[in-house]
């Protein structure tokens, strides 16, 4: 895991603490929001890798099918031949791995957004509580 990933994990764990002061909660929200920006870059990079892997597999399929058809193979037989090749299987596996990585980062980003939303609600609640206690006379 990258250093940024480890820092994000630690910050998310810290967000689960219910004993944070209002200032700590606000500061934590800010830190996680900045990390969320960097996470969005990771999601974009993962998507790019997935799209490239998919494109590589499809380009390989098209080139090989055309070459086999030029040698007299039917379309169905050419596709079956290419799909059975080790090279195609390797490209397909790379595509699946890239897609899984993209989905993992996308889900992580969604989870971070949920944490940010929760912190924002907590900050609003603490702000309202502070206003209420500041305007309510003390009972003796």
N, C-alpha and C. Protein backbone atom coordinates (compact mmCIF):
# COMPACT_ATOMS: atom_id res chain seq x y z
N UNK A 1 0.86 -1.18 0.00
CA UNK A 1 0.00 0.00 0.00
C UNK A 1 0.90 1.23 0.00
N UNK A 2 0.48 2.25 -0.73
CA UNK A 2 1.27 3.47 -0.81
C UNK A 2 1.20 4.24 0.51
N UNK A 3 2.12 5.18 0.63
CA UNK A 3 2.12 6.02 1.83
C UNK A 3 0.83 6.81 1.93
N UNK A 4 0.36 7.34 0.77
CA UNK A 4 -0.90 8.08 0.78
C UNK A 4 -2.05 7.18 1.19
N UNK A 5 -2.05 5.94 0.71
CA UNK A 5 -3.10 5.00 1.08
C UNK A 5 -3.09 4.69 2.56
N UNK A 6 -1.90 4.54 3.13
CA UNK A 6 -1.79 4.28 4.56
C UNK A 6 -2.27 5.48 5.38
N UNK A 7 -1.92 6.69 4.91
CA UNK A 7 -2.38 7.89 5.61
C UNK A 7 -3.90 8.02 5.54
N UNK A 8 -4.46 7.71 4.37
CA UNK A 8 -5.91 7.77 4.22
C UNK A 8 -6.59 6.76 5.14
N UNK A 9 -6.07 5.53 5.19
CA UNK A 9 -6.63 4.51 6.07
C UNK A 9 -6.60 4.96 7.53
N UNK A 10 -5.48 5.55 7.95
CA UNK A 10 -5.36 6.02 9.33
C UNK A 10 -6.37 7.13 9.61
N UNK A 11 -6.52 8.05 8.66
CA UNK A 11 -7.46 9.16 8.85
C UNK A 11 -8.90 8.66 8.92
N UNK A 12 -9.23 7.68 8.08
CA UNK A 12 -10.59 7.13 8.11
C UNK A 12 -10.84 6.41 9.43
N UNK A 13 -9.84 5.67 9.91
CA UNK A 13 -9.99 5.03 11.24
C UNK A 13 -10.19 6.09 12.32
N UNK A 14 -9.44 7.18 12.23
CA UNK A 14 -9.57 8.25 13.22
C UNK A 14 -10.96 8.88 13.15
N UNK A 15 -11.54 8.96 11.98
CA UNK A 15 -12.88 9.54 11.82
C UNK A 15 -13.93 8.71 12.55
N UNK A 16 -13.65 7.46 12.80
CA UNK A 16 -14.58 6.61 13.52
C UNK A 16 -14.62 6.88 15.02
N UNK A 17 -13.66 7.64 15.51
CA UNK A 17 -13.65 7.98 16.93
C UNK A 17 -14.74 8.99 17.23
N UNK A 18 -15.48 8.75 18.28
CA UNK A 18 -16.57 9.64 18.66
C UNK A 18 -16.15 10.68 19.69
N UNK A 19 -14.90 10.61 20.16
CA UNK A 19 -14.45 11.54 21.19
C UNK A 19 -13.64 12.70 20.63
N UNK A 20 -13.75 12.96 19.33
CA UNK A 20 -13.01 14.06 18.72
C UNK A 20 -13.66 15.40 19.08
N UNK A 21 -12.81 16.38 19.35
CA UNK A 21 -13.32 17.72 19.61
C UNK A 21 -13.82 18.33 18.30
N UNK A 22 -14.59 19.41 18.38
CA UNK A 22 -15.03 20.06 17.14
C UNK A 22 -13.86 20.48 16.24
N UNK A 23 -12.81 21.01 16.84
CA UNK A 23 -11.65 21.43 16.04
C UNK A 23 -10.97 20.22 15.41
N UNK A 24 -10.83 19.14 16.15
CA UNK A 24 -10.22 17.92 15.60
C UNK A 24 -11.07 17.37 14.45
N UNK A 25 -12.38 17.42 14.62
CA UNK A 25 -13.28 16.92 13.59
C UNK A 25 -13.16 17.75 12.31
N UNK A 26 -13.12 19.06 12.46
CA UNK A 26 -12.97 19.93 11.29
C UNK A 26 -11.62 19.73 10.61
N UNK A 27 -10.59 19.61 11.40
CA UNK A 27 -9.24 19.41 10.84
C UNK A 27 -9.17 18.08 10.12
N UNK A 28 -9.77 17.05 10.69
CA UNK A 28 -9.78 15.73 10.07
C UNK A 28 -10.57 15.76 8.76
N UNK A 29 -11.68 16.45 8.76
CA UNK A 29 -12.49 16.59 7.53
C UNK A 29 -11.63 17.22 6.43
N UNK A 30 -10.90 18.25 6.76
CA UNK A 30 -10.04 18.91 5.78
C UNK A 30 -8.95 17.99 5.26
N UNK A 31 -8.32 17.25 6.15
CA UNK A 31 -7.26 16.31 5.72
C UNK A 31 -7.81 15.25 4.79
N UNK A 32 -8.95 14.67 5.15
CA UNK A 32 -9.53 13.61 4.32
C UNK A 32 -10.00 14.17 2.98
N UNK A 33 -10.52 15.41 2.99
CA UNK A 33 -10.95 16.02 1.72
C UNK A 33 -9.77 16.18 0.77
N UNK A 34 -8.63 16.59 1.28
CA UNK A 34 -7.43 16.72 0.44
C UNK A 34 -7.00 15.35 -0.07
N UNK A 35 -7.02 14.37 0.80
CA UNK A 35 -6.65 13.00 0.38
C UNK A 35 -7.64 12.48 -0.65
N UNK A 36 -8.88 12.87 -0.54
CA UNK A 36 -9.90 12.46 -1.50
C UNK A 36 -9.56 12.97 -2.90
N UNK A 37 -9.00 14.15 -2.97
CA UNK A 37 -8.57 14.68 -4.26
C UNK A 37 -7.51 13.76 -4.87
N UNK A 38 -6.52 13.39 -4.09
CA UNK A 38 -5.46 12.51 -4.60
C UNK A 38 -6.03 11.14 -4.94
N UNK A 39 -6.99 10.69 -4.18
CA UNK A 39 -7.64 9.42 -4.47
C UNK A 39 -8.36 9.46 -5.81
N UNK A 40 -8.96 10.59 -6.12
CA UNK A 40 -9.65 10.71 -7.41
C UNK A 40 -8.65 10.56 -8.57
N UNK A 41 -7.44 11.01 -8.37
CA UNK A 41 -6.40 10.83 -9.39
C UNK A 41 -6.06 9.35 -9.54
N UNK A 42 -6.02 8.63 -8.45
CA UNK A 42 -5.73 7.19 -8.48
C UNK A 42 -6.85 6.46 -9.20
N UNK A 43 -8.10 6.85 -8.94
CA UNK A 43 -9.24 6.23 -9.63
C UNK A 43 -9.12 6.47 -11.13
N UNK A 44 -8.79 7.70 -11.51
CA UNK A 44 -8.64 8.02 -12.94
C UNK A 44 -7.53 7.20 -13.58
N UNK A 45 -6.41 7.07 -12.89
CA UNK A 45 -5.29 6.26 -13.41
C UNK A 45 -5.69 4.80 -13.55
N UNK A 46 -6.43 4.29 -12.58
CA UNK A 46 -6.87 2.89 -12.63
C UNK A 46 -7.85 2.68 -13.78
N UNK A 47 -8.72 3.65 -14.01
CA UNK A 47 -9.66 3.53 -15.12
C UNK A 47 -8.91 3.55 -16.46
N UNK A 48 -7.92 4.43 -16.55
CA UNK A 48 -7.12 4.51 -17.76
C UNK A 48 -6.42 3.18 -18.03
N UNK A 49 -5.86 2.58 -17.01
CA UNK A 49 -5.19 1.28 -17.16
C UNK A 49 -6.17 0.21 -17.61
N UNK A 50 -7.38 0.22 -17.05
CA UNK A 50 -8.41 -0.74 -17.45
C UNK A 50 -8.80 -0.53 -18.90
N UNK A 51 -9.05 0.72 -19.28
CA UNK A 51 -9.45 1.01 -20.67
C UNK A 51 -8.35 0.61 -21.65
N UNK A 52 -7.10 0.85 -21.27
CA UNK A 52 -5.99 0.45 -22.14
C UNK A 52 -5.90 -1.06 -22.27
N UNK A 53 -6.08 -1.76 -21.16
CA UNK A 53 -6.02 -3.23 -21.20
C UNK A 53 -7.15 -3.79 -22.05
N UNK A 54 -8.33 -3.21 -21.93
CA UNK A 54 -9.46 -3.65 -22.75
C UNK A 54 -9.18 -3.38 -24.23
N UNK A 55 -8.64 -2.21 -24.52
CA UNK A 55 -8.31 -1.86 -25.90
C UNK A 55 -7.25 -2.78 -26.48
N UNK A 56 -6.26 -3.12 -25.68
CA UNK A 56 -5.20 -4.04 -26.14
C UNK A 56 -5.78 -5.41 -26.50
N UNK A 57 -6.68 -5.90 -25.65
CA UNK A 57 -7.29 -7.21 -25.91
C UNK A 57 -8.13 -7.17 -27.19
N UNK A 58 -8.93 -6.13 -27.32
CA UNK A 58 -9.80 -6.02 -28.50
C UNK A 58 -8.99 -5.83 -29.78
N UNK A 59 -7.92 -5.04 -29.71
CA UNK A 59 -7.07 -4.83 -30.89
C UNK A 59 -6.40 -6.14 -31.29
N UNK A 60 -5.93 -6.89 -30.29
CA UNK A 60 -5.30 -8.19 -30.57
C UNK A 60 -6.32 -9.12 -31.25
N UNK A 61 -7.52 -9.15 -30.72
CA UNK A 61 -8.56 -10.00 -31.29
C UNK A 61 -8.82 -9.62 -32.74
N UNK A 62 -9.01 -8.35 -32.99
CA UNK A 62 -9.33 -7.90 -34.35
C UNK A 62 -8.20 -8.23 -35.32
N UNK A 63 -6.96 -7.94 -34.93
CA UNK A 63 -5.82 -8.21 -35.82
C UNK A 63 -5.69 -9.70 -36.13
N UNK A 64 -5.82 -10.51 -35.10
CA UNK A 64 -5.64 -11.95 -35.29
C UNK A 64 -6.79 -12.55 -36.11
N UNK A 65 -8.00 -12.10 -35.86
CA UNK A 65 -9.16 -12.61 -36.61
C UNK A 65 -9.01 -12.24 -38.09
N UNK A 66 -8.62 -11.00 -38.36
CA UNK A 66 -8.43 -10.58 -39.75
C UNK A 66 -7.35 -11.41 -40.43
N UNK A 67 -6.26 -11.67 -39.72
CA UNK A 67 -5.17 -12.47 -40.30
C UNK A 67 -5.65 -13.90 -40.58
N UNK A 68 -6.39 -14.48 -39.67
CA UNK A 68 -6.89 -15.85 -39.87
C UNK A 68 -7.93 -15.90 -40.98
N UNK A 69 -8.79 -14.89 -41.06
CA UNK A 69 -9.78 -14.84 -42.14
C UNK A 69 -9.09 -14.70 -43.50
N UNK A 70 -7.99 -13.98 -43.54
CA UNK A 70 -7.24 -13.83 -44.79
C UNK A 70 -6.67 -15.17 -45.25
N UNK A 71 -6.48 -16.09 -44.31
CA UNK A 71 -5.97 -17.43 -44.64
C UNK A 71 -7.10 -18.43 -44.83
N UNK A 72 -8.36 -17.95 -44.91
CA UNK A 72 -9.48 -18.83 -45.23
C UNK A 72 -10.32 -19.30 -44.06
N UNK A 73 -10.03 -18.89 -42.84
CA UNK A 73 -10.84 -19.31 -41.68
C UNK A 73 -12.17 -18.56 -41.67
N UNK A 74 -13.19 -19.22 -41.18
CA UNK A 74 -14.46 -18.52 -40.98
C UNK A 74 -14.31 -17.59 -39.78
N UNK A 75 -15.21 -16.63 -39.66
CA UNK A 75 -15.17 -15.67 -38.57
C UNK A 75 -15.28 -16.39 -37.21
N UNK A 76 -16.22 -17.31 -37.10
CA UNK A 76 -16.42 -18.02 -35.83
C UNK A 76 -15.20 -18.83 -35.45
N UNK A 77 -14.61 -19.54 -36.43
CA UNK A 77 -13.43 -20.35 -36.14
C UNK A 77 -12.24 -19.46 -35.79
N UNK A 78 -12.10 -18.34 -36.48
CA UNK A 78 -11.01 -17.42 -36.20
C UNK A 78 -11.12 -16.87 -34.78
N UNK A 79 -12.32 -16.46 -34.39
CA UNK A 79 -12.52 -15.94 -33.03
C UNK A 79 -12.23 -17.00 -31.98
N UNK A 80 -12.70 -18.21 -32.21
CA UNK A 80 -12.46 -19.30 -31.26
C UNK A 80 -10.97 -19.61 -31.16
N UNK A 81 -10.28 -19.57 -32.27
CA UNK A 81 -8.84 -19.83 -32.27
C UNK A 81 -8.10 -18.77 -31.47
N UNK A 82 -8.44 -17.52 -31.73
CA UNK A 82 -7.78 -16.42 -31.01
C UNK A 82 -8.09 -16.49 -29.52
N UNK A 83 -9.35 -16.72 -29.17
CA UNK A 83 -9.73 -16.78 -27.75
C UNK A 83 -9.05 -17.92 -27.02
N UNK A 84 -8.66 -18.95 -27.72
CA UNK A 84 -7.98 -20.08 -27.09
C UNK A 84 -6.48 -19.90 -26.97
N UNK A 85 -5.95 -18.85 -27.55
CA UNK A 85 -4.49 -18.66 -27.52
C UNK A 85 -4.03 -18.15 -26.16
N UNK A 86 -2.81 -18.51 -25.80
CA UNK A 86 -2.22 -18.06 -24.54
C UNK A 86 -2.08 -16.54 -24.50
N UNK A 87 -1.71 -15.95 -25.63
CA UNK A 87 -1.52 -14.50 -25.67
C UNK A 87 -2.84 -13.79 -25.38
N UNK A 88 -3.92 -14.25 -25.99
CA UNK A 88 -5.23 -13.64 -25.75
C UNK A 88 -5.64 -13.83 -24.29
N UNK A 89 -5.42 -15.02 -23.76
CA UNK A 89 -5.78 -15.28 -22.36
C UNK A 89 -5.00 -14.36 -21.42
N UNK A 90 -3.73 -14.12 -21.73
CA UNK A 90 -2.92 -13.20 -20.93
C UNK A 90 -3.46 -11.78 -20.98
N UNK A 91 -3.85 -11.36 -22.19
CA UNK A 91 -4.43 -10.02 -22.34
C UNK A 91 -5.76 -9.92 -21.60
N UNK A 92 -6.54 -10.97 -21.64
CA UNK A 92 -7.84 -10.97 -20.94
C UNK A 92 -7.63 -10.92 -19.43
N UNK A 93 -6.63 -11.67 -18.96
CA UNK A 93 -6.34 -11.67 -17.52
C UNK A 93 -5.86 -10.28 -17.08
N UNK A 94 -5.03 -9.64 -17.90
CA UNK A 94 -4.56 -8.29 -17.57
C UNK A 94 -5.74 -7.32 -17.52
N UNK A 95 -6.69 -7.50 -18.42
CA UNK A 95 -7.88 -6.65 -18.44
C UNK A 95 -8.71 -6.85 -17.17
N UNK A 96 -8.92 -8.09 -16.79
CA UNK A 96 -9.72 -8.40 -15.59
C UNK A 96 -9.03 -7.83 -14.34
N UNK A 97 -7.72 -7.99 -14.25
CA UNK A 97 -6.99 -7.46 -13.10
C UNK A 97 -7.08 -5.94 -13.05
N UNK A 98 -6.97 -5.29 -14.21
CA UNK A 98 -7.07 -3.82 -14.26
C UNK A 98 -8.48 -3.37 -13.87
N UNK A 99 -9.49 -4.12 -14.32
CA UNK A 99 -10.86 -3.77 -13.96
C UNK A 99 -11.09 -3.93 -12.46
N UNK A 100 -10.56 -4.98 -11.88
CA UNK A 100 -10.70 -5.20 -10.43
C UNK A 100 -10.02 -4.08 -9.65
N UNK A 101 -8.85 -3.67 -10.10
CA UNK A 101 -8.13 -2.58 -9.45
C UNK A 101 -8.93 -1.28 -9.54
N UNK A 102 -9.50 -1.02 -10.69
CA UNK A 102 -10.33 0.18 -10.88
C UNK A 102 -11.54 0.14 -9.96
N UNK A 103 -12.22 -0.99 -9.91
CA UNK A 103 -13.40 -1.11 -9.04
C UNK A 103 -13.01 -0.94 -7.58
N UNK A 104 -11.88 -1.50 -7.18
CA UNK A 104 -11.42 -1.36 -5.79
C UNK A 104 -11.21 0.10 -5.44
N UNK A 105 -10.52 0.84 -6.30
CA UNK A 105 -10.27 2.26 -6.02
C UNK A 105 -11.55 3.08 -6.08
N UNK A 106 -12.43 2.74 -7.00
CA UNK A 106 -13.71 3.45 -7.12
C UNK A 106 -14.54 3.25 -5.85
N UNK A 107 -14.58 2.02 -5.33
CA UNK A 107 -15.32 1.74 -4.10
C UNK A 107 -14.68 2.44 -2.90
N UNK A 108 -13.35 2.48 -2.89
CA UNK A 108 -12.65 3.18 -1.81
C UNK A 108 -13.01 4.65 -1.83
N UNK A 109 -13.03 5.25 -3.02
CA UNK A 109 -13.38 6.67 -3.15
C UNK A 109 -14.80 6.91 -2.66
N UNK A 110 -15.73 6.01 -2.97
CA UNK A 110 -17.11 6.15 -2.50
C UNK A 110 -17.17 6.07 -0.98
N UNK A 111 -16.40 5.16 -0.41
CA UNK A 111 -16.35 5.04 1.04
C UNK A 111 -15.80 6.30 1.69
N UNK A 112 -14.78 6.88 1.09
CA UNK A 112 -14.20 8.12 1.62
C UNK A 112 -15.23 9.24 1.55
N UNK A 113 -16.00 9.29 0.48
CA UNK A 113 -17.05 10.32 0.37
C UNK A 113 -18.09 10.13 1.49
N UNK A 114 -18.40 8.88 1.81
CA UNK A 114 -19.34 8.61 2.91
C UNK A 114 -18.76 9.09 4.24
N UNK A 115 -17.48 8.87 4.45
CA UNK A 115 -16.82 9.33 5.68
C UNK A 115 -16.86 10.86 5.74
N UNK A 116 -16.56 11.51 4.62
CA UNK A 116 -16.61 12.98 4.60
C UNK A 116 -18.01 13.49 4.91
N UNK A 117 -19.01 12.84 4.35
CA UNK A 117 -20.39 13.23 4.61
C UNK A 117 -20.72 13.07 6.10
N UNK A 118 -20.28 11.98 6.68
CA UNK A 118 -20.52 11.73 8.11
C UNK A 118 -19.83 12.79 8.96
N UNK A 119 -18.59 13.12 8.61
CA UNK A 119 -17.88 14.15 9.37
C UNK A 119 -18.57 15.50 9.22
N UNK A 120 -19.06 15.80 8.02
CA UNK A 120 -19.76 17.07 7.81
C UNK A 120 -21.01 17.15 8.68
N UNK A 121 -21.74 16.04 8.77
CA UNK A 121 -22.93 16.02 9.63
C UNK A 121 -22.54 16.20 11.09
N UNK A 122 -21.45 15.56 11.50
CA UNK A 122 -21.00 15.69 12.88
C UNK A 122 -20.58 17.14 13.18
N UNK A 123 -19.89 17.77 12.22
CA UNK A 123 -19.49 19.17 12.40
C UNK A 123 -20.72 20.06 12.54
N UNK A 124 -21.72 19.83 11.71
CA UNK A 124 -22.96 20.62 11.78
C UNK A 124 -23.65 20.41 13.11
N UNK A 125 -23.69 19.18 13.58
CA UNK A 125 -24.32 18.89 14.86
C UNK A 125 -23.57 19.58 16.00
N UNK A 126 -22.24 19.53 15.97
CA UNK A 126 -21.45 20.18 17.02
C UNK A 126 -21.63 21.69 16.98
N UNK A 127 -21.73 22.26 15.77
CA UNK A 127 -21.94 23.70 15.63
C UNK A 127 -23.31 24.09 16.22
N UNK A 128 -24.33 23.30 15.89
CA UNK A 128 -25.67 23.57 16.42
C UNK A 128 -25.69 23.43 17.94
N UNK A 129 -24.99 22.42 18.43
CA UNK A 129 -24.94 22.20 19.88
C UNK A 129 -24.25 23.37 20.57
N UNK A 130 -23.18 23.87 19.96
CA UNK A 130 -22.46 25.00 20.55
C UNK A 130 -23.35 26.25 20.55
N UNK A 131 -24.08 26.49 19.47
CA UNK A 131 -25.01 27.63 19.42
C UNK A 131 -26.10 27.49 20.48
N UNK A 132 -26.62 26.30 20.62
CA UNK A 132 -27.70 26.06 21.57
C UNK A 132 -27.22 26.32 22.98
N UNK A 133 -26.04 25.82 23.33
CA UNK A 133 -25.54 26.01 24.69
C UNK A 133 -25.15 27.45 24.94
N UNK A 134 -24.72 28.17 23.88
CA UNK A 134 -24.35 29.58 24.03
C UNK A 134 -25.59 30.47 24.23
N UNK A 135 -26.71 30.08 23.68
CA UNK A 135 -27.91 30.94 23.77
C UNK A 135 -28.90 30.48 24.86
N UNK A 136 -28.69 29.33 25.43
CA UNK A 136 -29.58 28.82 26.45
C UNK A 136 -29.06 29.23 27.81
N UNK A 137 -29.91 29.89 28.62
CA UNK A 137 -29.45 30.28 29.96
C UNK A 137 -29.20 29.06 30.83
N UNK A 138 -28.23 29.19 31.66
CA UNK A 138 -27.90 28.09 32.58
C UNK A 138 -29.01 27.92 33.60
N UNK A 139 -29.33 26.68 33.88
CA UNK A 139 -30.36 26.36 34.87
C UNK A 139 -29.66 26.12 36.20
N UNK A 140 -30.17 26.79 37.23
CA UNK A 140 -29.57 26.60 38.56
C UNK A 140 -30.48 25.90 39.47
